[in-house]
Amino acid sequence: MAFACIIWGLMAPFAKDAMRVDFTGIDMVAFRVAGGALCFWLTSWVQSLCGKKQEKVPLRDIGMFFLASLCGISFNQGMYTVGISFTSPVNASIMTTTLPIISLILSIVFLHERATWQKIVGIALALSGALMVILTSHTASAEPTNPYRDAIGSIMCVLAQCSFASYLVIFGKLIKKYSVVTCMKWMMLFATVTVWPFALPHIVSLPWQDIAAQSYWEMGFVVFFGTYCAYILMTWAQQVLRPTQVSIYNYFQPVISCLASVMMGLAVFGYLQAISILLVFSGVYLVTGGGHEKTTAKEVCAEPTDSKERLSNEQK
């Protein structure tokens, strides 16, 4: 999980650098979903060659995968990637930490989850931090920029988290029904179908011979590592870690992104960004119950040591 979050933390400055020189936000999204679809379909094909039985997906669930791809990939990656092209990688990475807050709000509204005072205070703190990022977004840019453009980019990154949170709340049962390869190969395919009609006219007109080799390498990192490898690592981690432990590793992202962005000369990190991170982290800490879940000695002894047995028990 640490490696997955480190990859996602590096993805923001790499994508920003490539979009600053040779590509646009919609180009990056189009290559990412198409590359992800290719990788996951190839993985499914290799699994079938190795004798693994392929999951059968009925037509109704294929339609649900199409709707899930809109929330979980097309809108999410589209808003986030285009948002990075407008604002700094530091602000974009800070906004990713608001996902647990947005998920909780949607769960309270649609799933009638109980809202305690601790969670309400946590939501208020996190939203205050997000609002500070939006209002001071131009201060994180290494070069003079348009404050309104930076604010729009930060808002788009928040909307990306809203889209992904909606995906988690609405399509949670569907995603748990199938393996990650089955889910992602269909969702990436549908995302490619919905994104490429908008990106194709600009992609065709790109001056491919003038694009720097560094931009190609950065695009490759975003597609292969930031999309394919990170999803695989996250899935493996979720099989052996508790949900609270997974969420704690998510805080690697803004730290790694801030360090990489400053080192690459893409952003600056000032006291306003530090205050914003502190507010958001404090809010998420309160919302998630103040840290790790407590585990009794009886639960530790009863916990199965075999990963397959553990997964079977969780499914039951």
Protein backbone atom coordinates (compact mmCIF):
# COMPACT_ATOMS: atom_id res chain seq x y z
CA MET A 1 0.00 0.00 0.00
CA ALA A 2 2.90 2.31 0.70
CA PHE A 3 4.29 1.71 -2.80
CA ALA A 4 0.85 2.36 -4.35
CA CYS A 5 0.50 5.68 -2.55
CA ILE A 6 4.08 6.67 -3.40
CA ILE A 7 3.30 6.01 -7.08
CA TRP A 8 0.14 8.13 -6.88
CA GLY A 9 2.07 10.87 -5.09
CA LEU A 10 4.67 10.95 -7.89
CA MET A 11 2.00 10.80 -10.58
CA ALA A 12 0.75 14.34 -9.97
CA PRO A 13 4.05 16.19 -10.60
CA PHE A 14 4.99 13.89 -13.51
CA ALA A 15 1.62 14.46 -15.17
CA LYS A 16 1.86 18.20 -14.49
CA ASP A 17 5.31 18.39 -16.09
CA ALA A 18 4.17 16.50 -19.21
CA MET A 19 1.06 18.66 -19.56
CA ARG A 20 3.06 21.84 -19.05
CA VAL A 21 5.16 21.09 -22.15
CA ASP A 22 3.60 18.72 -24.68
CA PHE A 23 0.19 17.33 -23.69
CA THR A 24 -3.16 18.71 -22.53
CA GLY A 25 -5.28 17.37 -19.68
CA ILE A 26 -7.69 15.55 -21.98
CA ASP A 27 -4.74 13.93 -23.81
CA MET A 28 -3.44 12.57 -20.52
CA VAL A 29 -6.86 11.18 -19.55
CA ALA A 30 -7.33 9.53 -22.96
CA PHE A 31 -3.93 7.81 -22.90
CA ARG A 32 -4.41 6.76 -19.29
CA VAL A 33 -7.79 5.04 -19.78
CA ALA A 34 -6.76 3.42 -23.08
CA GLY A 35 -3.46 2.21 -21.62
CA GLY A 36 -5.20 0.94 -18.51
CA ALA A 37 -7.78 -0.93 -20.60
CA LEU A 38 -5.04 -2.55 -22.68
CA CYS A 39 -3.07 -3.63 -19.57
CA PHE A 40 -6.06 -5.13 -17.76
CA TRP A 41 -7.43 -6.95 -20.83
CA LEU A 42 -3.97 -8.39 -21.48
CA THR A 43 -3.82 -9.49 -17.84
CA SER A 44 -7.20 -11.20 -18.20
CA TRP A 45 -5.98 -12.95 -21.35
CA VAL A 46 -2.78 -14.14 -19.63
CA GLN A 47 -4.83 -15.45 -16.70
CA SER A 48 -6.99 -17.46 -19.09
CA LEU A 49 -3.86 -18.92 -20.72
CA CYS A 50 -2.63 -19.95 -17.26
CA GLY A 51 -5.85 -21.88 -16.67
CA LYS A 52 -7.72 -19.41 -14.48
CA LYS A 53 -11.46 -19.53 -15.13
CA GLN A 54 -12.81 -16.23 -16.40
CA GLU A 55 -15.74 -14.67 -14.54
CA LYS A 56 -18.98 -14.50 -16.50
CA VAL A 57 -20.58 -11.06 -16.38
CA PRO A 58 -24.31 -10.89 -17.24
CA LEU A 59 -25.59 -8.14 -19.51
CA ARG A 60 -27.21 -6.26 -16.62
CA ASP A 61 -23.92 -6.02 -14.73
CA ILE A 62 -22.10 -4.92 -17.89
CA GLY A 63 -24.53 -2.02 -18.05
CA MET A 64 -23.80 -1.26 -14.39
CA PHE A 65 -20.06 -1.33 -15.17
CA PHE A 66 -20.70 1.32 -17.82
CA LEU A 67 -22.36 3.61 -15.26
CA ALA A 68 -19.63 2.83 -12.71
CA SER A 69 -16.94 3.76 -15.26
CA LEU A 70 -18.51 7.20 -15.66
CA CYS A 71 -18.28 7.97 -11.93
CA GLY A 72 -15.17 5.98 -11.02
CA ILE A 73 -12.96 6.69 -14.04
CA SER A 74 -14.23 9.06 -16.75
CA PHE A 75 -15.42 11.91 -14.50
CA ASN A 76 -12.93 11.14 -11.72
CA GLN A 77 -9.77 10.96 -13.82
CA GLY A 78 -11.03 13.60 -16.23
CA MET A 79 -11.68 16.19 -13.54
CA TYR A 80 -8.52 15.36 -11.58
CA THR A 81 -6.13 15.29 -14.55
CA VAL A 82 -7.51 18.46 -16.14
CA GLY A 83 -7.52 20.05 -12.67
CA ILE A 84 -3.79 19.32 -12.32
CA SER A 85 -3.19 21.13 -15.61
CA PHE A 86 -4.81 24.24 -14.08
CA THR A 87 -3.45 24.20 -10.53
CA SER A 88 -0.29 22.98 -8.76
CA PRO A 89 0.43 19.31 -7.93
CA VAL A 90 0.62 20.29 -4.25
CA ASN A 91 -2.98 21.52 -4.19
CA ALA A 92 -4.20 18.57 -6.25
CA SER A 93 -2.61 16.08 -3.85
CA ILE A 94 -4.05 17.84 -0.80
CA MET A 95 -7.51 17.54 -2.33
CA THR A 96 -7.17 13.76 -2.64
CA THR A 97 -7.18 13.46 1.16
CA THR A 98 -10.77 14.78 1.30
CA LEU A 99 -12.11 11.50 -0.14
CA PRO A 100 -13.00 9.92 3.27
CA ILE A 101 -14.86 13.11 4.22
CA ILE A 102 -16.89 13.21 1.01
CA SER A 103 -17.61 9.48 1.27
CA LEU A 104 -18.90 9.96 4.82
CA ILE A 105 -21.17 12.84 3.77
CA LEU A 106 -22.67 10.75 0.95
CA SER A 107 -23.06 7.77 3.30
CA ILE A 108 -24.93 9.95 5.80
CA VAL A 109 -27.25 11.28 3.06
CA PHE A 110 -27.89 8.11 1.05
CA LEU A 111 -27.03 5.20 3.36
CA HIS A 112 -28.31 6.86 6.57
CA GLU A 113 -25.03 6.36 8.41
CA ARG A 114 -25.04 7.79 11.93
CA ALA A 115 -23.44 11.24 12.21
CA THR A 116 -21.72 11.92 15.56
CA TRP A 117 -20.40 15.25 16.82
CA GLN A 118 -16.86 13.99 16.34
CA LYS A 119 -17.56 13.27 12.67
CA ILE A 120 -19.31 16.62 12.18
CA VAL A 121 -16.32 18.49 13.65
CA GLY A 122 -14.00 16.42 11.47
CA ILE A 123 -16.00 17.29 8.35
CA ALA A 124 -15.91 20.98 9.27
CA LEU A 125 -12.12 20.95 9.76
CA ALA A 126 -11.45 19.08 6.51
CA LEU A 127 -13.74 21.33 4.49
CA SER A 128 -12.04 24.38 6.02
CA GLY A 129 -8.69 23.04 4.85
CA ALA A 130 -10.07 22.35 1.35
CA LEU A 131 -11.55 25.85 1.18
CA MET A 132 -8.20 27.35 2.21
CA VAL A 133 -6.50 25.43 -0.62
CA ILE A 134 -9.00 26.82 -3.14
CA LEU A 135 -8.69 30.42 -1.94
CA THR A 136 -4.88 30.35 -1.76
CA SER A 137 -4.20 27.95 -4.64
CA HIS A 138 -2.08 30.45 -6.60
CA THR A 139 0.45 30.64 -3.74
CA ALA A 140 1.55 27.02 -4.37
CA SER A 141 2.61 27.65 -7.97
CA ALA A 142 6.30 28.05 -8.70
CA GLU A 143 5.54 30.55 -11.48
CA PRO A 144 3.12 33.52 -11.53
CA THR A 145 -0.32 32.22 -12.53
CA ASN A 146 -3.93 33.33 -12.75
CA PRO A 147 -5.53 32.95 -9.28
CA TYR A 148 -8.93 32.17 -10.83
CA ARG A 149 -7.43 29.46 -13.02
CA ASP A 150 -5.71 27.89 -10.00
CA ALA A 151 -8.94 28.03 -7.99
CA ILE A 152 -10.87 26.35 -10.81
CA GLY A 153 -8.24 23.61 -10.94
CA SER A 154 -8.55 22.98 -7.19
CA ILE A 155 -12.35 22.88 -7.45
CA MET A 156 -12.09 20.35 -10.28
CA CYS A 157 -9.89 18.16 -8.06
CA VAL A 158 -12.57 18.30 -5.34
CA LEU A 159 -15.25 17.36 -7.88
CA ALA A 160 -13.05 14.42 -8.90
CA GLN A 161 -13.13 13.17 -5.30
CA CYS A 162 -16.92 13.69 -5.20
CA SER A 163 -17.24 11.57 -8.34
CA PHE A 164 -15.10 8.76 -6.91
CA ALA A 165 -16.90 8.89 -3.56
CA SER A 166 -20.21 8.52 -5.41
CA TYR A 167 -18.76 5.51 -7.20
CA LEU A 168 -17.78 3.90 -3.88
CA VAL A 169 -21.19 4.50 -2.30
CA ILE A 170 -23.40 3.58 -5.28
CA PHE A 171 -21.45 0.73 -6.86
CA GLY A 172 -19.82 -0.83 -3.79
CA LYS A 173 -21.79 -4.10 -4.02
CA LEU A 174 -21.03 -4.47 -7.75
CA ILE A 175 -17.28 -4.03 -7.25
CA LYS A 176 -17.16 -6.59 -4.41
CA LYS A 177 -18.95 -9.11 -6.63
CA TYR A 178 -16.06 -9.50 -9.10
CA SER A 179 -12.26 -9.59 -9.09
CA VAL A 180 -10.28 -6.40 -9.64
CA VAL A 181 -9.18 -7.50 -13.12
CA THR A 182 -12.76 -8.17 -14.22
CA CYS A 183 -13.97 -4.85 -12.81
CA MET A 184 -11.15 -2.75 -14.19
CA LYS A 185 -11.03 -4.29 -17.67
CA TRP A 186 -14.70 -3.47 -18.27
CA MET A 187 -14.60 -0.06 -16.60
CA MET A 188 -11.41 1.01 -18.40
CA LEU A 189 -12.89 -0.17 -21.71
CA PHE A 190 -16.06 1.87 -21.23
CA ALA A 191 -14.04 4.87 -20.04
CA THR A 192 -12.00 4.68 -23.25
CA VAL A 193 -15.20 4.64 -25.31
CA THR A 194 -16.58 7.73 -23.52
CA VAL A 195 -13.36 9.78 -23.34
CA TRP A 196 -11.72 9.24 -26.73
CA PRO A 197 -14.41 10.93 -28.89
CA PHE A 198 -13.60 14.19 -27.07
CA ALA A 199 -9.82 13.71 -27.15
CA LEU A 200 -9.31 12.24 -30.62
CA PRO A 201 -9.44 15.52 -32.64
CA HIS A 202 -6.64 17.04 -30.57
CA ILE A 203 -4.59 13.83 -30.35
CA VAL A 204 -4.59 13.49 -34.15
CA SER A 205 -3.19 17.02 -34.49
CA LEU A 206 -0.36 16.53 -31.96
CA PRO A 207 3.15 17.19 -33.35
CA TRP A 208 4.47 13.76 -32.37
CA GLN A 209 7.92 14.34 -33.82
CA ASP A 210 8.41 17.46 -31.67
CA ILE A 211 7.34 15.92 -28.35
CA ALA A 212 10.26 15.53 -25.94
CA ALA A 213 11.33 12.04 -24.87
CA GLN A 214 10.88 13.05 -21.23
CA SER A 215 7.18 13.69 -21.82
CA TYR A 216 6.79 10.20 -23.29
CA TRP A 217 8.46 8.69 -20.22
CA GLU A 218 6.23 10.73 -17.90
CA MET A 219 3.14 9.66 -19.84
CA GLY A 220 4.29 6.04 -19.60
CA PHE A 221 4.73 6.36 -15.84
CA VAL A 222 1.19 7.71 -15.44
CA VAL A 223 -0.34 4.98 -17.63
CA PHE A 224 1.57 1.88 -16.48
CA PHE A 225 2.57 2.62 -12.90
CA GLY A 226 -0.03 5.23 -11.85
CA THR A 227 -2.97 3.35 -13.38
CA TYR A 228 -2.19 -0.36 -13.75
CA CYS A 229 0.45 -1.21 -11.12
CA ALA A 230 -1.04 1.00 -8.40
CA TYR A 231 -4.45 -0.68 -8.72
CA ILE A 232 -2.85 -4.13 -8.49
CA LEU A 233 -0.76 -3.16 -5.44
CA MET A 234 -3.78 -1.61 -3.73
CA THR A 235 -5.83 -4.78 -4.28
CA TRP A 236 -3.12 -7.00 -2.79
CA ALA A 237 -2.81 -4.66 0.19
CA GLN A 238 -6.56 -4.65 0.85
CA GLN A 239 -6.47 -8.45 1.18
CA VAL A 240 -4.19 -8.33 4.24
CA LEU A 241 -4.71 -4.88 5.80
CA ARG A 242 -7.60 -3.41 7.72
CA PRO A 243 -9.52 -0.54 6.05
CA THR A 244 -8.22 1.95 8.63
CA GLN A 245 -4.63 0.92 7.87
CA VAL A 246 -5.25 1.37 4.13
CA SER A 247 -6.64 4.87 4.70
CA ILE A 248 -3.63 5.88 6.81
CA TYR A 249 -1.23 4.94 3.99
CA ASN A 250 -3.23 7.29 1.74
CA TYR A 251 -1.57 10.20 3.56
CA PHE A 252 1.69 9.37 1.78
CA GLN A 253 0.32 11.00 -1.37
CA PRO A 254 0.45 14.72 -0.47
CA VAL A 255 3.81 14.30 1.27
CA ILE A 256 5.44 12.57 -1.72
CA SER A 257 3.75 14.91 -4.20
CA CYS A 258 4.86 18.02 -2.33
CA LEU A 259 8.48 16.84 -2.10
CA ALA A 260 8.63 15.80 -5.77
CA SER A 261 6.90 18.97 -6.99
CA VAL A 262 9.26 21.26 -5.09
CA MET A 263 12.33 19.29 -6.25
CA MET A 264 11.13 19.44 -9.88
CA GLY A 265 10.49 23.20 -9.61
CA LEU A 266 6.77 22.80 -10.29
CA ALA A 267 5.48 24.20 -6.99
CA VAL A 268 6.36 25.85 -3.71
CA PHE A 269 5.31 24.73 -0.25
CA GLY A 270 4.49 27.52 2.19
CA TYR A 271 2.83 27.91 5.55
CA LEU A 272 -0.65 28.19 3.99
CA GLN A 273 -0.28 24.76 2.42
CA ALA A 274 1.01 23.38 5.74
CA ILE A 275 -2.04 24.76 7.58
CA SER A 276 -4.35 23.31 4.92
CA ILE A 277 -2.81 19.84 5.25
CA LEU A 278 -3.06 20.05 9.05
CA LEU A 279 -6.76 20.93 8.88
CA VAL A 280 -7.59 18.21 6.37
CA PHE A 281 -5.57 15.54 8.21
CA SER A 282 -7.16 16.50 11.55
CA GLY A 283 -10.62 16.26 10.02
CA VAL A 284 -9.97 12.86 8.47
CA TYR A 285 -8.45 11.65 11.76
CA LEU A 286 -11.65 12.54 13.63
CA VAL A 287 -13.94 11.10 10.95
CA THR A 288 -12.11 7.75 10.84
CA GLY A 289 -12.43 7.34 14.60
CA GLY A 290 -9.03 8.59 15.74
CA GLY A 291 -6.71 5.97 14.27
CA HIS A 292 -6.48 2.20 14.04
CA GLU A 293 -9.32 -0.08 14.97
CA LYS A 294 -8.80 -1.67 18.37
CA THR A 295 -8.24 -5.42 18.21
CA THR A 296 -8.64 -7.70 21.22
CA ALA A 297 -6.35 -10.63 21.96
CA LYS A 298 -9.22 -13.02 21.23
CA GLU A 299 -9.68 -11.48 17.76
CA VAL A 300 -5.97 -11.76 17.03
CA CYS A 301 -5.90 -15.45 17.98
CA ALA A 302 -9.03 -16.14 15.95
CA GLU A 303 -7.78 -14.34 12.87
CA PRO A 304 -6.95 -16.86 10.10
CA THR A 305 -3.35 -16.97 8.98
CA ASP A 306 -4.06 -18.16 5.46
CA SER A 307 -4.97 -15.30 3.12
CA LYS A 308 -7.42 -17.42 1.09
CA GLU A 309 -9.24 -18.48 4.25
CA ARG A 310 -9.42 -14.85 5.36
CA LEU A 311 -10.86 -13.74 2.03
CA SER A 312 -13.40 -16.57 2.15
CA ASN A 313 -14.51 -15.53 5.64
CA GLU A 314 -14.83 -11.88 4.56
CA GLN A 315 -16.95 -12.88 1.58
CA LYS A 316 -19.23 -14.94 3.83
